[in-house]
N, C-alpha and C. Protein backbone atom coordinates (compact mmCIF):
# COMPACT_ATOMS: atom_id res chain seq x y z
N UNK A 1 0.92 -1.10 0.16
CA UNK A 1 -0.08 0.17 0.08
C UNK A 1 0.97 1.21 0.11
N UNK A 2 1.87 1.21 0.92
CA UNK A 2 2.88 2.53 1.10
C UNK A 2 3.54 2.84 -0.41
N UNK A 3 3.82 1.67 -1.12
CA UNK A 3 4.62 1.81 -2.32
C UNK A 3 3.56 2.66 -3.38
N UNK A 4 2.11 1.96 -3.40
CA UNK A 4 1.21 2.31 -4.54
C UNK A 4 1.01 4.10 -4.04
N UNK A 5 0.61 4.07 -2.73
CA UNK A 5 0.40 5.32 -2.26
C UNK A 5 1.25 6.30 -2.37
N UNK A 6 2.59 6.11 -2.39
CA UNK A 6 3.63 6.93 -2.49
C UNK A 6 3.99 7.26 -3.88
N UNK A 7 3.50 6.55 -4.82
CA UNK A 7 3.62 7.02 -6.27
C UNK A 7 2.63 7.82 -6.84
N UNK A 8 1.53 8.10 -5.79
CA UNK A 8 0.62 9.13 -6.22
C UNK A 8 1.01 10.84 -6.36
N UNK A 9 0.60 11.41 -7.30
CA UNK A 9 1.17 12.91 -7.47
C UNK A 9 0.69 13.51 -6.19
N UNK A 10 -0.49 13.24 -5.53
CA UNK A 10 -0.90 14.10 -4.58
C UNK A 10 -1.86 13.01 -3.60
N UNK A 11 -1.79 13.47 -2.42
CA UNK A 11 -2.55 12.33 -1.30
C UNK A 11 -3.44 13.30 -0.42
N UNK A 12 -4.60 12.98 -0.09
CA UNK A 12 -5.72 13.61 0.49
C UNK A 12 -6.15 12.76 1.49
N UNK A 13 -6.70 13.48 2.77
CA UNK A 13 -7.17 12.34 3.66
C UNK A 13 -8.48 13.48 4.21
N UNK A 14 -9.46 12.87 5.00
CA UNK A 14 -10.73 13.43 5.42
C UNK A 14 -10.54 14.38 6.49
N UNK A 15 -9.47 13.92 7.22
CA UNK A 15 -9.07 14.82 8.49
C UNK A 15 -7.73 14.49 8.89
N UNK A 16 -7.41 15.16 10.03
CA UNK A 16 -5.86 15.40 10.90
C UNK A 16 -6.00 13.69 10.98
N UNK A 17 -6.65 13.09 11.63
CA UNK A 17 -6.71 11.80 12.18
C UNK A 17 -6.21 11.01 11.11
N UNK A 18 -6.79 10.88 9.98
CA UNK A 18 -6.37 9.89 8.69
C UNK A 18 -5.09 10.31 8.34
N UNK A 19 -4.80 11.49 8.51
CA UNK A 19 -3.45 12.08 7.55
C UNK A 19 -2.30 11.57 8.71
N UNK A 20 -2.43 11.72 10.01
CA UNK A 20 -1.77 11.18 10.82
C UNK A 20 -1.42 9.78 10.81
N UNK A 21 -2.45 8.82 10.58
CA UNK A 21 -2.45 7.49 10.61
C UNK A 21 -1.51 7.17 9.45
N UNK A 22 -1.66 7.95 8.33
CA UNK A 22 -0.78 7.64 7.12
C UNK A 22 0.55 7.74 7.40
N UNK A 23 0.84 9.01 7.80
CA UNK A 23 2.17 9.45 8.34
C UNK A 23 3.02 8.16 9.10
N UNK A 24 2.25 7.86 10.29
CA UNK A 24 2.66 7.03 11.11
C UNK A 24 2.83 5.58 10.54
N UNK A 25 2.01 5.23 9.72
CA UNK A 25 2.21 4.02 9.04
C UNK A 25 3.38 3.61 7.67
N UNK A 26 3.35 4.81 7.32
CA UNK A 26 4.02 4.70 5.67
C UNK A 26 5.21 5.85 5.61
N UNK A 27 4.93 6.86 6.53
CA UNK A 27 6.01 8.17 6.65
C UNK A 27 5.42 9.31 5.28
N UNK A 28 4.25 8.69 4.68
CA UNK A 28 3.72 9.85 3.72
C UNK A 28 2.76 10.81 4.35
N UNK A 29 3.04 12.01 3.58
CA UNK A 29 1.83 13.03 3.97
C UNK A 29 0.94 13.18 3.31
N UNK A 30 -0.25 13.81 3.78
CA UNK A 30 -1.51 13.95 2.95
C UNK A 30 -1.92 15.00 3.25
N UNK A 31 -2.49 15.96 2.21
CA UNK A 31 -3.27 17.17 2.74
C UNK A 31 -4.72 17.07 2.96
N UNK A 32 -4.91 17.67 4.04
CA UNK A 32 -6.52 17.51 4.74
C UNK A 32 -7.48 18.33 3.84
N UNK A 33 -8.47 17.68 3.21
CA UNK A 33 -9.54 18.05 2.80
C UNK A 33 -10.82 18.04 3.52
N UNK A 34 -11.43 19.24 4.09
CA UNK A 34 -12.87 19.23 4.60
C UNK A 34 -13.75 18.43 3.89
N UNK A 35 -14.33 17.17 4.19
CA UNK A 35 -15.40 16.73 3.37
C UNK A 35 -16.95 17.47 3.18
N UNK A 36 -16.93 18.38 4.03
CA UNK A 36 -18.23 18.98 4.05
C UNK A 36 -19.28 18.20 4.26
N UNK A 37 -20.50 18.93 4.78
CA UNK A 37 -21.63 18.13 5.01
C UNK A 37 -22.84 18.94 4.59
N UNK A 38 -23.75 18.48 3.79
CA UNK A 38 -25.00 19.14 3.77
C UNK A 38 -25.86 19.24 5.12
N UNK A 39 -25.97 20.69 5.69
CA UNK A 39 -26.53 21.02 6.62
C UNK A 39 -27.98 21.34 6.65
N UNK A 40 -28.51 21.08 5.34
CA UNK A 40 -29.99 21.31 4.99
C UNK A 40 -30.88 20.60 6.22
N UNK A 41 -31.70 21.11 6.82
CA UNK A 41 -32.66 20.55 7.63
C UNK A 41 -32.47 20.65 9.18
N UNK A 42 -30.98 20.72 9.44
CA UNK A 42 -30.51 20.92 10.92
C UNK A 42 -30.78 22.07 11.33
N UNK A 43 -31.52 22.04 12.48
CA UNK A 43 -31.78 23.49 13.23
C UNK A 43 -32.09 23.21 14.80
N UNK A 44 -31.80 24.24 15.54
CA UNK A 44 -32.13 23.97 16.93
C UNK A 44 -33.41 24.25 17.35
N UNK A 45 -34.05 23.74 18.57
CA UNK A 45 -35.24 24.01 18.85
C UNK A 45 -35.08 24.10 20.51
N UNK A 46 -34.23 24.78 20.81
CA UNK A 46 -34.19 25.11 22.18
C UNK A 46 -33.28 23.84 22.65
N UNK A 47 -33.33 23.72 24.09
CA UNK A 47 -32.56 22.79 24.64
C UNK A 47 -33.50 21.80 25.61
N UNK A 48 -33.45 20.50 25.33
CA UNK A 48 -34.19 19.66 25.95
C UNK A 48 -33.69 19.18 27.13
N UNK A 49 -34.09 18.00 27.88
CA UNK A 49 -33.85 17.47 29.01
C UNK A 49 -32.92 16.08 28.85
N UNK A 50 -32.60 16.06 27.55
CA UNK A 50 -31.92 14.70 27.45
C UNK A 50 -30.68 14.73 26.53
N UNK A 51 -29.63 14.01 26.47
CA UNK A 51 -28.63 13.98 25.52
C UNK A 51 -28.92 12.88 24.67
N UNK A 52 -28.51 13.17 23.49
CA UNK A 52 -28.85 12.52 22.19
C UNK A 52 -27.43 11.90 21.46
N UNK A 53 -27.54 10.35 21.43
CA UNK A 53 -26.48 9.73 20.83
C UNK A 53 -26.59 9.13 19.61
N UNK A 54 -26.59 9.49 18.42
CA UNK A 54 -27.00 8.80 17.14
C UNK A 54 -25.81 8.14 16.62
N UNK A 55 -25.86 6.72 15.69
CA UNK A 55 -25.14 6.44 15.13
C UNK A 55 -24.92 5.01 15.36
N UNK A 56 -24.10 4.16 14.80
CA UNK A 56 -24.02 2.60 14.70
C UNK A 56 -23.54 2.30 16.15
N UNK A 57 -24.13 1.10 16.53
CA UNK A 57 -23.87 0.68 17.72
C UNK A 57 -22.73 -0.59 17.85
N UNK A 58 -21.65 -0.02 17.49
CA UNK A 58 -20.43 -0.96 17.36
C UNK A 58 -19.49 -0.79 18.63
N UNK A 59 -18.62 -1.49 18.89
CA UNK A 59 -17.76 -1.47 20.02
C UNK A 59 -17.01 -0.24 19.86
N UNK A 60 -16.40 -0.01 18.74
CA UNK A 60 -15.37 1.16 18.80
C UNK A 60 -16.00 2.33 18.99
N UNK A 61 -17.19 2.44 18.76
CA UNK A 61 -18.14 3.84 19.16
C UNK A 61 -18.19 3.90 20.41
N UNK A 62 -18.08 3.22 21.27
CA UNK A 62 -17.83 3.57 22.76
C UNK A 62 -19.19 3.89 23.06
N UNK A 63 -20.58 3.50 23.06
CA UNK A 63 -21.67 4.17 23.40
C UNK A 63 -21.60 3.79 24.91
N UNK A 64 -21.26 2.54 25.24
CA UNK A 64 -20.92 2.04 26.92
C UNK A 64 -20.56 3.29 27.51
N UNK A 65 -19.64 4.00 27.14
CA UNK A 65 -19.23 5.15 27.97
C UNK A 65 -20.45 6.17 28.54
N UNK A 66 -21.35 6.10 27.69
CA UNK A 66 -22.18 7.40 27.87
C UNK A 66 -23.23 6.38 28.85
N UNK A 67 -23.53 5.15 28.33
CA UNK A 67 -24.35 4.51 29.51
C UNK A 67 -23.92 4.49 30.70
N UNK A 68 -22.52 4.18 30.85
CA UNK A 68 -21.90 3.98 32.24
C UNK A 68 -22.07 5.21 33.05
N UNK A 69 -21.87 6.60 32.22
CA UNK A 69 -21.84 7.81 32.81
C UNK A 69 -23.36 7.91 33.57
N UNK A 70 -24.33 7.67 32.72
CA UNK A 70 -25.69 7.69 33.31
C UNK A 70 -25.94 6.73 34.46
N UNK A 71 -25.61 5.63 34.34
CA UNK A 71 -25.82 4.64 35.45
C UNK A 71 -24.81 5.31 36.64
N UNK A 72 -23.99 5.80 36.37
CA UNK A 72 -23.11 6.10 37.56
C UNK A 72 -23.63 7.51 38.23
N UNK A 73 -24.53 8.13 37.51
CA UNK A 73 -25.01 9.43 38.08
C UNK A 73 -26.37 9.26 38.87
N UNK A 74 -26.59 10.03 39.93
CA UNK A 74 -27.89 10.10 40.52
C UNK A 74 -28.70 11.21 39.97
N UNK A 75 -28.25 12.02 39.13
CA UNK A 75 -28.81 13.02 38.32
C UNK A 75 -30.14 12.43 37.48
N UNK A 76 -30.95 13.19 37.43
CA UNK A 76 -32.24 12.69 36.45
C UNK A 76 -31.87 12.80 34.99
N UNK A 77 -30.69 12.81 34.59
CA UNK A 77 -30.25 12.98 33.18
C UNK A 77 -30.81 11.68 32.46
N UNK A 78 -31.15 12.09 31.23
CA UNK A 78 -31.76 11.15 30.11
C UNK A 78 -30.76 10.85 28.99
N UNK A 79 -30.45 9.63 28.38
CA UNK A 79 -30.03 9.67 27.32
C UNK A 79 -30.67 8.71 26.19
N UNK A 80 -30.65 9.37 24.97
CA UNK A 80 -31.75 8.88 23.98
C UNK A 80 -30.70 8.20 22.73
N UNK A 81 -30.69 6.96 22.68
CA UNK A 81 -29.69 6.47 21.68
C UNK A 81 -30.47 5.96 20.54
N UNK A 82 -29.93 6.42 19.11
CA UNK A 82 -30.45 6.15 18.14
C UNK A 82 -29.53 5.22 17.12
N UNK A 83 -30.05 4.21 16.75
CA UNK A 83 -29.19 3.50 15.85
C UNK A 83 -29.24 1.92 16.24
N UNK A 84 -28.52 1.19 15.34
CA UNK A 84 -28.52 -0.31 15.72
C UNK A 84 -27.18 -0.55 15.12
N UNK A 85 -26.96 -2.07 15.52
CA UNK A 85 -25.41 -2.73 15.16
C UNK A 85 -25.19 -3.91 15.99
N UNK A 86 -24.17 -4.20 15.96
CA UNK A 86 -23.55 -5.43 16.58
C UNK A 86 -23.40 -5.61 17.97
N UNK A 87 -23.36 -4.39 18.46
CA UNK A 87 -23.22 -3.90 19.92
C UNK A 87 -24.69 -3.87 20.94
N UNK A 88 -25.43 -3.74 19.88
CA UNK A 88 -26.72 -3.32 20.51
C UNK A 88 -27.37 -4.23 21.67
N UNK A 89 -27.28 -5.58 21.56
CA UNK A 89 -27.84 -6.43 22.53
C UNK A 89 -26.94 -6.10 24.11
N UNK A 90 -25.61 -6.12 23.95
CA UNK A 90 -24.75 -5.86 24.81
C UNK A 90 -25.04 -4.44 25.57
N UNK A 91 -25.42 -3.50 24.78
CA UNK A 91 -25.68 -2.16 25.36
C UNK A 91 -27.06 -2.18 26.08
N UNK A 92 -27.88 -2.60 25.53
CA UNK A 92 -28.99 -2.94 26.24
C UNK A 92 -29.11 -3.72 27.70
N UNK A 93 -28.30 -4.67 27.54
CA UNK A 93 -28.10 -5.39 28.99
C UNK A 93 -27.18 -4.53 29.91
N UNK A 94 -26.26 -3.68 29.25
CA UNK A 94 -25.39 -2.90 30.19
C UNK A 94 -26.52 -1.82 30.76
N UNK A 95 -27.29 -1.54 30.12
CA UNK A 95 -28.41 -0.26 30.30
C UNK A 95 -29.15 -0.83 31.51
N UNK A 96 -29.35 -2.11 31.47
CA UNK A 96 -30.22 -2.93 32.61
C UNK A 96 -31.70 -2.29 32.66
N UNK A 97 -32.54 -1.77 31.79
CA UNK A 97 -33.65 -1.33 31.82
C UNK A 97 -33.74 0.23 32.85
N UNK A 98 -32.57 0.70 33.04
CA UNK A 98 -32.69 2.07 33.48
C UNK A 98 -33.64 2.94 32.68
N UNK A 99 -34.69 3.43 33.26
CA UNK A 99 -35.66 4.30 32.84
C UNK A 99 -34.98 5.41 32.12
N UNK A 100 -33.86 5.81 32.45
CA UNK A 100 -33.23 7.25 31.80
C UNK A 100 -32.56 6.92 30.50
N UNK A 101 -32.52 5.52 30.14
CA UNK A 101 -31.91 5.23 28.94
C UNK A 101 -32.72 4.82 28.00
N UNK A 102 -33.04 5.52 26.63
CA UNK A 102 -34.11 5.18 25.68
C UNK A 102 -33.06 4.59 24.42
N UNK A 103 -33.44 3.31 23.82
CA UNK A 103 -33.18 2.83 22.82
C UNK A 103 -33.90 3.09 21.67
N UNK A 104 -33.78 3.81 20.59
CA UNK A 104 -34.74 4.22 19.51
C UNK A 104 -34.74 3.09 18.52
N UNK A 105 -33.70 2.53 18.33
CA UNK A 105 -33.30 1.84 17.12
C UNK A 105 -32.96 2.48 15.98
N UNK A 106 -33.10 1.72 14.74
CA UNK A 106 -33.02 2.63 13.47
C UNK A 106 -34.02 3.64 13.47
N UNK A 107 -33.86 5.01 13.06
CA UNK A 107 -34.66 5.93 12.92
C UNK A 107 -34.58 6.80 11.52
N UNK A 108 -35.45 7.38 11.13
CA UNK A 108 -35.15 8.12 10.01
C UNK A 108 -34.39 9.63 10.09
N UNK A 109 -33.61 9.95 8.97
CA UNK A 109 -33.10 11.18 8.98
C UNK A 109 -34.00 12.20 9.31
N UNK A 110 -35.12 12.25 9.11
CA UNK A 110 -35.78 13.52 9.92
C UNK A 110 -35.77 13.46 11.45
N UNK A 111 -36.17 12.11 12.02
CA UNK A 111 -36.28 12.02 13.22
C UNK A 111 -35.02 12.43 13.98
N UNK A 112 -33.90 11.72 13.19
CA UNK A 112 -32.50 12.16 13.83
C UNK A 112 -32.33 13.73 13.77
N UNK A 113 -32.80 14.41 12.71
CA UNK A 113 -32.61 16.14 12.91
C UNK A 113 -33.44 16.60 14.06
N UNK A 114 -34.56 15.90 14.05
CA UNK A 114 -35.69 16.51 15.15
C UNK A 114 -34.89 16.20 16.52
N UNK A 115 -34.14 15.00 17.01
CA UNK A 115 -33.55 14.85 18.06
C UNK A 115 -32.43 15.85 18.54
N UNK A 116 -31.66 15.88 17.38
CA UNK A 116 -30.49 16.85 17.37
C UNK A 116 -30.91 18.42 17.98
N UNK A 117 -32.13 18.71 16.89
CA UNK A 117 -32.75 19.98 17.44
C UNK A 117 -33.20 20.10 18.83
N UNK A 118 -33.71 19.00 19.47
CA UNK A 118 -34.39 19.42 20.63
C UNK A 118 -33.48 18.87 22.05
N UNK A 119 -32.45 18.20 21.77
CA UNK A 119 -31.78 17.75 22.86
C UNK A 119 -30.76 18.71 23.61
N UNK A 120 -30.58 18.32 24.67
CA UNK A 120 -29.31 19.27 25.30
C UNK A 120 -28.08 19.32 25.08
N UNK A 121 -27.63 18.11 24.63
CA UNK A 121 -26.12 18.10 24.00
C UNK A 121 -25.95 16.56 23.52
N UNK A 122 -24.78 16.26 22.84
CA UNK A 122 -24.36 15.19 21.98
C UNK A 122 -23.30 14.52 22.38
N UNK A 123 -23.35 13.48 22.99
CA UNK A 123 -22.22 12.55 23.45
C UNK A 123 -21.68 11.97 22.13
N UNK A 124 -20.24 12.10 21.78
CA UNK A 124 -19.97 11.22 20.67
C UNK A 124 -18.48 10.63 21.23
N UNK A 125 -18.31 9.51 21.35
CA UNK A 125 -17.18 8.96 22.32
C UNK A 125 -16.24 7.90 21.49
N UNK A 126 -16.24 8.11 20.18
CA UNK A 126 -15.71 6.98 19.48
C UNK A 126 -14.17 6.66 19.69
N UNK A 127 -13.62 5.73 19.42
CA UNK A 127 -12.14 5.48 19.54
C UNK A 127 -11.33 5.88 18.17
N UNK A 128 -10.54 6.88 18.06
CA UNK A 128 -10.00 7.15 16.90
C UNK A 128 -10.77 7.13 15.59
N UNK A 129 -11.64 8.06 15.68
CA UNK A 129 -12.78 8.28 14.62
C UNK A 129 -11.92 9.05 13.19
N UNK A 130 -12.39 8.78 12.31
CA UNK A 130 -11.76 9.21 11.05
C UNK A 130 -12.28 10.54 10.72
N UNK A 131 -13.46 10.68 11.07
CA UNK A 131 -13.92 12.29 10.73
C UNK A 131 -15.17 12.58 11.80
N UNK A 132 -16.38 11.76 11.85
CA UNK A 132 -17.32 11.94 12.57
C UNK A 132 -18.48 12.96 12.28
N UNK A 133 -19.28 12.58 11.06
CA UNK A 133 -20.36 13.57 11.07
C UNK A 133 -21.17 14.10 12.17
N UNK A 134 -21.32 13.14 13.15
CA UNK A 134 -22.05 13.65 14.35
C UNK A 134 -21.84 14.92 14.80
N UNK A 135 -20.39 15.21 15.03
CA UNK A 135 -19.73 16.07 15.51
C UNK A 135 -20.41 17.40 14.73
N UNK A 136 -20.37 17.46 13.37
CA UNK A 136 -20.76 18.53 12.57
C UNK A 136 -22.24 18.61 12.73
N UNK A 137 -23.03 17.59 12.62
CA UNK A 137 -24.39 17.68 12.80
C UNK A 137 -24.86 18.30 13.91
N UNK A 138 -24.37 17.77 14.86
CA UNK A 138 -24.64 18.57 16.29
C UNK A 138 -24.26 19.96 16.42
N UNK A 139 -23.25 20.50 15.70
CA UNK A 139 -22.98 21.94 15.63
C UNK A 139 -23.81 22.51 14.96
N UNK A 140 -24.24 22.10 13.74
CA UNK A 140 -25.25 22.43 12.79
C UNK A 140 -26.86 22.74 13.51
N UNK A 141 -27.02 22.01 14.81
CA UNK A 141 -28.10 22.16 15.36
C UNK A 141 -28.03 23.00 16.70
N UNK A 142 -26.81 23.42 16.77
CA UNK A 142 -26.69 24.47 17.78
C UNK A 142 -26.35 23.71 19.38
N UNK A 143 -25.98 22.36 19.15
CA UNK A 143 -25.58 21.61 20.16
C UNK A 143 -24.27 21.27 20.61
N UNK A 144 -23.62 21.58 22.13
CA UNK A 144 -22.50 21.00 22.41
C UNK A 144 -22.15 19.60 22.35
N UNK A 145 -20.97 19.08 22.04
CA UNK A 145 -20.48 17.95 21.67
C UNK A 145 -19.59 17.46 23.05
N UNK A 146 -19.84 16.59 23.45
CA UNK A 146 -19.00 15.89 24.56
C UNK A 146 -18.47 14.63 23.76
N UNK A 147 -16.89 14.71 23.91
CA UNK A 147 -16.04 13.58 23.02
C UNK A 147 -14.83 13.41 24.20
N UNK A 148 -14.10 12.53 23.80
CA UNK A 148 -12.96 12.04 24.48
C UNK A 148 -11.65 12.44 23.73
N UNK A 149 -10.43 12.50 24.79
CA UNK A 149 -9.18 12.80 24.04
C UNK A 149 -8.71 11.73 23.04
N UNK A 150 -9.01 10.79 23.35
CA UNK A 150 -8.73 9.74 22.14
C UNK A 150 -9.66 9.38 21.04
N UNK A 151 -10.65 10.38 20.80
CA UNK A 151 -11.79 10.20 19.72
C UNK A 151 -11.42 10.55 18.47
N UNK A 152 -10.03 10.78 17.89
CA UNK A 152 -9.75 11.17 16.83
C UNK A 152 -10.22 12.39 16.34
N UNK A 153 -10.61 12.48 15.21
CA UNK A 153 -11.00 13.98 14.55
C UNK A 153 -11.90 14.53 15.34
N UNK A 154 -13.00 14.22 16.13
CA UNK A 154 -14.00 14.81 17.06
C UNK A 154 -13.40 15.77 18.14
N UNK A 155 -12.17 14.93 18.66
CA UNK A 155 -11.32 15.54 19.87
C UNK A 155 -10.61 16.77 19.03
N UNK A 156 -10.61 16.94 18.00
CA UNK A 156 -9.71 17.87 17.25
C UNK A 156 -10.52 19.25 16.68
N UNK A 157 -11.84 18.58 16.44
CA UNK A 157 -12.98 19.48 16.11
C UNK A 157 -13.78 20.45 17.17
N UNK A 158 -14.03 19.56 18.24
CA UNK A 158 -14.49 20.38 19.38
C UNK A 158 -13.40 21.09 20.30
N UNK A 159 -13.80 22.29 20.47
CA UNK A 159 -12.86 23.25 21.57
C UNK A 159 -13.40 23.14 22.75
N UNK A 160 -12.63 22.50 23.47
CA UNK A 160 -12.97 22.41 24.97
C UNK A 160 -13.51 23.47 25.81
N UNK A 161 -14.64 23.39 26.30
CA UNK A 161 -15.53 24.56 26.95
C UNK A 161 -15.86 25.54 26.15
N UNK A 162 -15.81 25.42 24.86
CA UNK A 162 -16.10 26.57 24.03
C UNK A 162 -17.59 25.97 23.09
N UNK A 163 -17.37 25.01 22.57
CA UNK A 163 -18.69 24.40 21.84
C UNK A 163 -18.60 23.04 22.10
N UNK A 164 -18.18 22.36 23.50
CA UNK A 164 -18.19 21.21 24.10
C UNK A 164 -17.21 20.75 24.96
N UNK A 165 -17.15 19.51 25.39
CA UNK A 165 -16.09 19.02 26.26
C UNK A 165 -15.40 17.91 25.71
N UNK A 166 -13.95 17.96 25.94
CA UNK A 166 -13.21 17.10 25.44
C UNK A 166 -12.44 16.31 27.07
N UNK A 167 -12.94 15.17 27.19
CA UNK A 167 -12.42 14.58 28.30
C UNK A 167 -11.84 13.34 28.10
N UNK A 168 -11.17 12.82 29.31
CA UNK A 168 -10.63 11.56 29.07
C UNK A 168 -11.92 10.47 29.11
N UNK A 169 -11.62 9.33 28.66
CA UNK A 169 -12.72 8.21 28.25
C UNK A 169 -12.92 7.93 29.83
């Protein structure tokens, strides 16, 4: 791969996370190009009483961190999770039927935008995410993003205590 990529006249990456991985693996540099995102339909509708976590339910998305945070808290916080994936059964078991945690399953794009608009904030906690449109969609909805220092591109996009929080996992 490094030989083939090394022959390219130009190399581009979706974000700094991917460019850094390329440099670490092969010593090759890549220019970062913002992939952009159609922000039509995203809006804010104030601030609700729940955190909204959309996306695929896979282990590397670390939805379990958000569930564990709710379970460890005595506050009446709510977590609404939209999406499906291989980790869904384990996450539902972890949640243990706690009434503060709701699993919506797969929902329409319109419903996702509605939840972004109405939520308090968006936890997005993946491990070394390439880009993470969740961050951009949350910002387009006027919502803060809670992410982790090792979450890859989201940790580079979120400005700690400005438009979200960047914390240790």
